[in-house]
Structure formats: C-alpha cells, structure tokens
C-alpha cells in the first residue's frame, strides 16, 4: 500500500534548517495527485521557504484557510498577487473580527488588506467536498464559546465583544485507505471535540492520523509553558488512544513543554513538526 499523502511544512514556529520560521503555520499537501495549500503563515516568509524548496504557490488544486487568525492568513497576499485565479476556501465567519485577551486585548483577525478582497475567498457553510476524498468540516459540538472564554479568545458580534465559539474554524479531512486524516491547524475547539465531529461527519470511519497545533502553549516570565494540567493532558492523550489514532503530527501552538508531556504518554504515535519537515501518510 503506497503513501497517499505527502506534507511539506512551509513554515512553523521552529526550524532545524536554514529556512526561516515565524509564529504561524503553512502546509503544502500532495494528495492523490492533487496539490493543496493549507494556511499561509503570518507573512510572506512561507513563500520564501516554498521558493527554496521548489514548491509552487500558484496553480494549485485548492487553497484552504483553517480559521480567521492572522498567523494563518498573513501571507495570502503573495498568493493573490502571484495567481489572479487563486481562491481560498474559508468558513463564512472567517473574515470577521477576532481578539485575544492574552497579553492585553488585541486583534488577531485576518489582516484587513487581505480580508477586504472578499472575491478571493470561497466562503463555506456546512460540510464541503473540495476535491474527491477531501472535505472541509466545521465544528459540530455545542458550547464552544465556553472554551473560547477560558482561552481568552473573543470575537466581535453586533459591535459587542463575546467569547469565540470557533464557528470560523474548520478541519481539512482527507480519506485514505488506512482511514481519515484530520488537519486542524490550531484545534481551538479541543481535539476531543474535533475527533468526535470528524468521525460523525465521515460516517464513523477510522481516524488514521491527526495533523495540527493543539493550542497548549503560552509564556510566563519569558519562559514557554504548557497551559494544560496533567489531568487535561491525560484526557487529551486518552482521546487519541481511544480513537486509535496511529499518527499525530503537531507543532505551532502546541509548544515544546506540551509536546514533551504528550510524548511521554503517547510514545512514537506523536511527532513534532518543524519548518521544512516532510512526512508521508
């Protein structure tokens, strides 16, 4: 059985090479002969790495934005400039105003100069098949605004600040012979909810792999920390084991302390992604 998915990490928070890194995420995904770009980092830096890696950013089969934050959309301007036909799949809520209370309330939305180009987006509602075997799946769990409030994440609604319910976030799900592969860049809604929702959306198929950040990182006194308690880490790891997820690739908003804690529990099921890394599924 051959590999069906090849992922190149165009940018992530860390690098083990001469490629540049930044707080952000961008993945180039080759899937059954099709080419997909998921997210575009915080700036044009991902494009510099793509050029060094000889990866095209134009003429792809699909462009996907995971959610409406700047660190996943900031580089879309170079895609729009280079490819007049490129249109990005995003949730219909993705171009709204989003804020974080961590470090003082500040905006973290898609940059206005990018969001204003609404004709460059295909705004989706519900489950959407974008290529044969490739689906965009929104969250289906109730009460996600409580997670938003605990995480210090908010959105503007009717000129009022309310906790984010992550209606702007979506998973890219790819079907393979071994089961489905879930790409969710930050997992703001909680990986347990995402796993459950993905299984329900895909007819209870086996979940083979999970790729993306897990939103577990913060800094305290200049030092990176894990925001999850030991009990919360146990619950998360148990969810991956219970769902029999064979491979987990994580980085960006997961953080090193959280990764190390999960690796102790999950062993070689879990792998850390870094800028320039290539892996196959």
Protein backbone atom coordinates (compact mmCIF):
# COMPACT_ATOMS: atom_id res chain seq x y z
CA UNK A 1 0.00 0.00 0.00
CA UNK A 2 1.60 3.25 -1.13
CA UNK A 3 1.59 6.54 0.67
CA UNK A 4 -1.39 8.71 -0.29
CA UNK A 5 -0.37 11.99 1.38
CA UNK A 6 2.89 13.92 1.38
CA UNK A 7 3.11 17.00 3.60
CA UNK A 8 5.79 19.70 3.45
CA UNK A 9 5.83 22.16 6.35
CA UNK A 10 6.40 25.52 4.62
CA UNK A 11 6.53 27.39 7.90
CA UNK A 12 6.10 26.71 11.61
CA UNK A 13 7.37 28.35 14.79
CA UNK A 14 10.62 26.38 14.79
CA UNK A 15 13.30 25.43 12.28
CA UNK A 16 16.15 22.94 12.23
CA UNK A 17 17.50 24.19 8.90
CA UNK A 18 18.45 27.42 7.14
CA UNK A 19 14.78 28.04 6.33
CA UNK A 20 13.13 30.93 8.15
CA UNK A 21 10.48 30.37 10.80
CA UNK A 22 7.84 32.53 12.47
CA UNK A 23 4.80 32.26 14.69
CA UNK A 24 2.47 30.76 12.12
CA UNK A 25 1.72 27.69 10.06
CA UNK A 26 1.56 26.76 6.39
CA UNK A 27 1.41 23.25 4.94
CA UNK A 28 1.78 22.10 1.34
CA UNK A 29 -0.15 18.86 0.91
CA UNK A 30 0.10 16.46 -2.04
CA UNK A 31 -2.89 14.13 -2.07
CA UNK A 32 -3.70 11.59 -4.77
CA UNK A 33 -2.07 13.70 -7.47
CA UNK A 34 -3.66 16.96 -6.24
CA UNK A 35 -1.90 19.90 -4.58
CA UNK A 36 -3.41 21.73 -1.59
CA UNK A 37 -2.09 24.67 0.42
CA UNK A 38 -3.36 24.87 3.98
CA UNK A 39 -2.78 28.30 5.54
CA UNK A 40 -0.15 30.91 4.71
CA UNK A 41 1.66 31.79 7.92
CA UNK A 42 1.90 35.30 9.37
CA UNK A 43 3.78 36.92 6.50
CA UNK A 44 5.39 36.30 3.12
CA UNK A 45 8.10 34.20 4.81
CA UNK A 46 6.41 30.91 3.95
CA UNK A 47 6.69 31.88 0.30
CA UNK A 48 10.46 32.38 0.61
CA UNK A 49 10.73 28.86 2.01
CA UNK A 50 8.50 27.46 -0.73
CA UNK A 51 10.77 29.02 -3.35
CA UNK A 52 13.86 27.43 -1.78
CA UNK A 53 12.06 24.07 -1.66
CA UNK A 54 10.90 24.45 -5.30
CA UNK A 55 7.26 24.24 -4.27
CA UNK A 56 4.79 26.26 -6.36
CA UNK A 57 2.25 28.54 -4.72
CA UNK A 58 0.26 29.14 -7.89
CA UNK A 59 -1.97 26.91 -9.95
CA UNK A 60 -2.78 24.59 -7.05
CA UNK A 61 -5.91 22.47 -6.91
CA UNK A 62 -7.13 24.01 -3.64
CA UNK A 63 -6.20 26.75 -1.16
CA UNK A 64 -7.65 26.40 2.34
CA UNK A 65 -7.71 28.75 5.34
CA UNK A 66 -8.19 26.85 8.59
CA UNK A 67 -9.57 29.80 10.58
CA UNK A 68 -9.71 33.57 10.74
CA UNK A 69 -6.46 34.46 12.52
CA UNK A 70 -3.53 36.48 11.16
CA UNK A 71 -0.88 33.82 11.80
CA UNK A 72 -2.52 31.54 9.24
CA UNK A 73 -3.60 34.15 6.71
CA UNK A 74 -0.97 36.89 6.74
CA UNK A 75 0.87 35.52 3.71
CA UNK A 76 -2.17 35.17 1.44
CA UNK A 77 -1.34 38.50 -0.19
CA UNK A 78 1.58 36.99 -2.09
CA UNK A 79 -0.65 34.16 -3.35
CA UNK A 80 -3.24 36.67 -4.53
CA UNK A 81 -0.57 38.77 -6.26
CA UNK A 82 1.04 35.78 -7.96
CA UNK A 83 -2.12 33.96 -9.05
CA UNK A 84 -5.11 36.00 -10.17
CA UNK A 85 -7.24 32.84 -10.26
CA UNK A 86 -6.43 31.62 -6.75
CA UNK A 87 -9.45 31.45 -4.44
CA UNK A 88 -9.25 30.35 -0.82
CA UNK A 89 -11.80 28.14 0.89
CA UNK A 90 -12.72 29.59 4.28
CA UNK A 91 -15.64 29.44 6.66
CA UNK A 92 -18.17 32.21 6.07
CA UNK A 93 -17.32 33.63 9.51
CA UNK A 94 -13.55 33.67 8.88
CA UNK A 95 -13.33 37.30 7.76
CA UNK A 96 -14.81 38.70 10.96
CA UNK A 97 -13.04 40.46 13.82
CA UNK A 98 -11.28 38.23 16.36
CA UNK A 99 -9.40 39.19 19.51
CA UNK A 100 -7.17 37.67 22.16
CA UNK A 101 -7.10 38.80 25.80
CA UNK A 102 -3.74 37.18 26.45
CA UNK A 103 -1.18 39.93 26.90
CA UNK A 104 -3.92 42.57 26.81
CA UNK A 105 -6.90 42.62 24.47
CA UNK A 106 -5.70 42.87 20.86
CA UNK A 107 -6.93 41.97 17.41
CA UNK A 108 -5.79 38.73 15.78
CA UNK A 109 -8.04 38.73 12.69
CA UNK A 110 -7.16 38.09 9.06
CA UNK A 111 -5.31 41.30 8.05
CA UNK A 112 -7.78 43.88 6.72
CA UNK A 113 -5.95 44.29 3.40
CA UNK A 114 -6.48 40.57 2.79
CA UNK A 115 -9.97 40.22 4.25
CA UNK A 116 -11.16 43.15 2.13
CA UNK A 117 -10.54 41.07 -1.01
CA UNK A 118 -13.70 39.04 -0.43
CA UNK A 119 -13.88 37.95 -4.06
CA UNK A 120 -10.69 35.92 -3.46
CA UNK A 121 -12.49 33.69 -0.93
CA UNK A 122 -14.98 30.87 -1.34
CA UNK A 123 -16.94 31.16 1.91
CA UNK A 124 -18.37 27.83 3.03
CA UNK A 125 -21.20 26.75 5.27
CA UNK A 126 -21.53 23.16 6.45
CA UNK A 127 -19.52 20.23 5.11
CA UNK A 128 -17.92 20.83 1.71
CA UNK A 129 -16.14 18.37 -0.60
CA UNK A 130 -13.46 20.39 -2.38
CA UNK A 131 -11.71 17.53 -4.19
CA UNK A 132 -12.51 13.82 -4.46
CA UNK A 133 -11.91 12.46 -0.96
CA UNK A 134 -11.10 15.90 0.52
CA UNK A 135 -13.64 17.56 2.80
CA UNK A 136 -13.90 20.73 4.86
CA UNK A 137 -15.73 20.06 8.13
CA UNK A 138 -16.87 22.70 10.66
CA UNK A 139 -17.31 22.09 14.36
CA UNK A 140 -20.49 20.35 15.48
CA UNK A 141 -20.11 20.49 19.29
CA UNK A 142 -22.26 22.85 21.35
CA UNK A 143 -20.96 25.24 23.99
CA UNK A 144 -17.62 26.01 22.35
CA UNK A 145 -17.88 29.63 23.48
CA UNK A 146 -17.02 28.36 26.97
CA UNK A 147 -13.71 27.07 25.62
CA UNK A 148 -13.20 30.44 23.92
CA UNK A 149 -13.73 32.28 27.18
CA UNK A 150 -11.33 30.01 29.07
CA UNK A 151 -8.75 30.51 26.35
CA UNK A 152 -9.14 34.29 26.34
CA UNK A 153 -10.35 34.31 22.73
CA UNK A 154 -13.16 36.60 21.59
CA UNK A 155 -14.98 37.89 18.53
CA UNK A 156 -17.00 40.95 17.65
CA UNK A 157 -20.73 40.43 17.19
CA UNK A 158 -23.13 43.35 16.72
CA UNK A 159 -20.41 45.70 17.98
CA UNK A 160 -20.03 43.71 21.19
CA UNK A 161 -17.16 41.51 22.34
CA UNK A 162 -18.30 37.94 23.01
CA UNK A 163 -16.39 34.68 23.60
CA UNK A 164 -15.30 32.99 20.40
CA UNK A 165 -17.29 29.85 19.54
CA UNK A 166 -14.89 28.97 16.70
CA UNK A 167 -17.54 28.97 14.00
CA UNK A 168 -14.74 30.31 11.77
CA UNK A 169 -12.58 27.19 12.23
CA UNK A 170 -12.68 24.10 10.04
CA UNK A 171 -10.86 20.82 9.58
CA UNK A 172 -9.49 19.59 6.29
CA UNK A 173 -10.21 15.86 6.19
CA UNK A 174 -8.62 13.53 3.64
CA UNK A 175 -9.80 9.98 3.07
CA UNK A 176 -7.14 7.29 2.76
CA UNK A 177 -7.13 3.50 2.64
CA UNK A 178 -5.99 3.46 6.27
CA UNK A 179 -8.72 5.84 7.46
CA UNK A 180 -9.27 9.56 7.54
CA UNK A 181 -6.54 12.12 8.18
CA UNK A 182 -7.60 15.26 10.06
CA UNK A 183 -5.79 18.57 9.52
CA UNK A 184 -6.83 21.19 12.08
CA UNK A 185 -4.22 23.90 12.37
CA UNK A 186 -4.90 25.07 15.96
CA UNK A 187 -7.64 22.81 17.37
CA UNK A 188 -9.17 25.73 19.26
CA UNK A 189 -12.38 23.79 19.84
CA UNK A 190 -10.49 20.96 21.53
CA UNK A 191 -9.05 17.90 19.83
CA UNK A 192 -11.55 15.62 21.57
CA UNK A 193 -14.46 17.55 20.03
CA UNK A 194 -12.73 17.62 16.64
CA UNK A 195 -12.09 13.87 16.66
CA UNK A 196 -15.70 13.16 17.57
CA UNK A 197 -17.07 15.59 14.99
CA UNK A 198 -14.82 14.29 12.22
CA UNK A 199 -15.85 10.71 12.83
CA UNK A 200 -19.53 11.67 12.76
CA UNK A 201 -19.12 13.74 9.59
CA UNK A 202 -17.31 10.94 7.77
CA UNK A 203 -19.66 8.09 8.56
CA UNK A 204 -17.79 6.79 11.60
CA UNK A 205 -14.68 5.90 9.58
CA UNK A 206 -11.41 5.04 11.29
CA UNK A 207 -9.22 8.03 12.16
CA UNK A 208 -5.71 7.22 10.95
CA UNK A 209 -3.85 10.47 11.66
CA UNK A 210 -4.20 13.95 13.16
CA UNK A 211 -2.10 16.89 11.96
CA UNK A 212 -2.02 20.36 13.52
CA UNK A 213 -1.48 22.50 16.57
CA UNK A 214 -3.25 21.74 19.85
CA UNK A 215 -3.37 25.23 21.40
CA UNK A 216 -1.46 24.35 24.58
CA UNK A 217 1.31 26.98 24.58
CA UNK A 218 1.83 30.24 26.42
CA UNK A 219 4.69 32.16 28.01
CA UNK A 220 5.18 33.08 31.65
CA UNK A 221 8.10 35.25 32.78
CA UNK A 222 9.61 34.84 29.31
CA UNK A 223 9.53 31.05 29.51
CA UNK A 224 7.35 28.80 27.36
CA UNK A 225 4.82 26.79 29.39
CA UNK A 226 2.06 24.27 28.80
CA UNK A 227 -1.38 25.66 29.64
CA UNK A 228 -2.86 22.19 30.22
CA UNK A 229 -2.80 20.49 33.63
CA UNK A 230 -1.53 16.92 33.92
CA UNK A 231 -5.15 15.78 34.12
CA UNK A 232 -6.05 17.66 30.92
CA UNK A 233 -3.02 16.19 29.13
CA UNK A 234 -4.10 12.70 30.25
CA UNK A 235 -7.63 13.33 28.94
CA UNK A 236 -6.32 14.54 25.57
CA UNK A 237 -3.90 11.66 25.15
CA UNK A 238 -6.56 9.15 26.19
CA UNK A 239 -8.84 10.57 23.48
CA UNK A 240 -6.21 9.91 20.81
CA UNK A 241 -5.69 6.39 22.14
CA UNK A 242 -9.41 5.71 22.45
CA UNK A 243 -9.94 6.82 18.84
CA UNK A 244 -6.98 4.62 17.85
CA UNK A 245 -5.19 7.49 16.07
CA UNK A 246 -1.99 5.89 14.79
CA UNK A 247 -0.01 9.04 13.94
CA UNK A 248 -0.11 12.56 15.36
CA UNK A 249 1.95 15.40 13.89
CA UNK A 250 1.83 18.57 15.94
CA UNK A 251 3.55 21.92 16.40
CA UNK A 252 2.89 25.67 16.11
CA UNK A 253 0.61 26.41 19.09
CA UNK A 254 1.32 23.11 20.90
CA UNK A 255 4.70 24.12 22.28
CA UNK A 256 7.72 22.12 23.40
CA UNK A 257 6.68 21.52 27.06
CA UNK A 258 3.28 20.20 25.94
CA UNK A 259 4.83 18.04 23.22
CA UNK A 260 7.29 16.51 25.66
CA UNK A 261 4.50 15.75 28.13
CA UNK A 262 2.39 14.12 25.42
CA UNK A 263 5.36 12.18 24.05
CA UNK A 264 5.85 10.56 27.47
CA UNK A 265 2.28 9.30 27.26
CA UNK A 266 1.95 8.54 23.55
CA UNK A 267 5.46 7.48 22.57
CA UNK A 268 6.06 7.10 18.85
CA UNK A 269 2.44 7.86 17.97
CA UNK A 270 3.28 11.57 18.20
CA UNK A 271 5.79 13.57 16.18
CA UNK A 272 6.83 17.22 16.29
CA UNK A 273 6.65 19.20 13.06
CA UNK A 274 9.18 21.89 12.20
CA UNK A 275 9.77 24.20 9.25
CA UNK A 276 10.94 22.31 6.18
CA UNK A 277 9.95 18.89 7.50
CA UNK A 278 8.43 16.42 5.02
CA UNK A 279 6.33 13.46 6.09
CA UNK A 280 4.10 10.95 4.35
CA UNK A 281 0.89 9.24 5.37
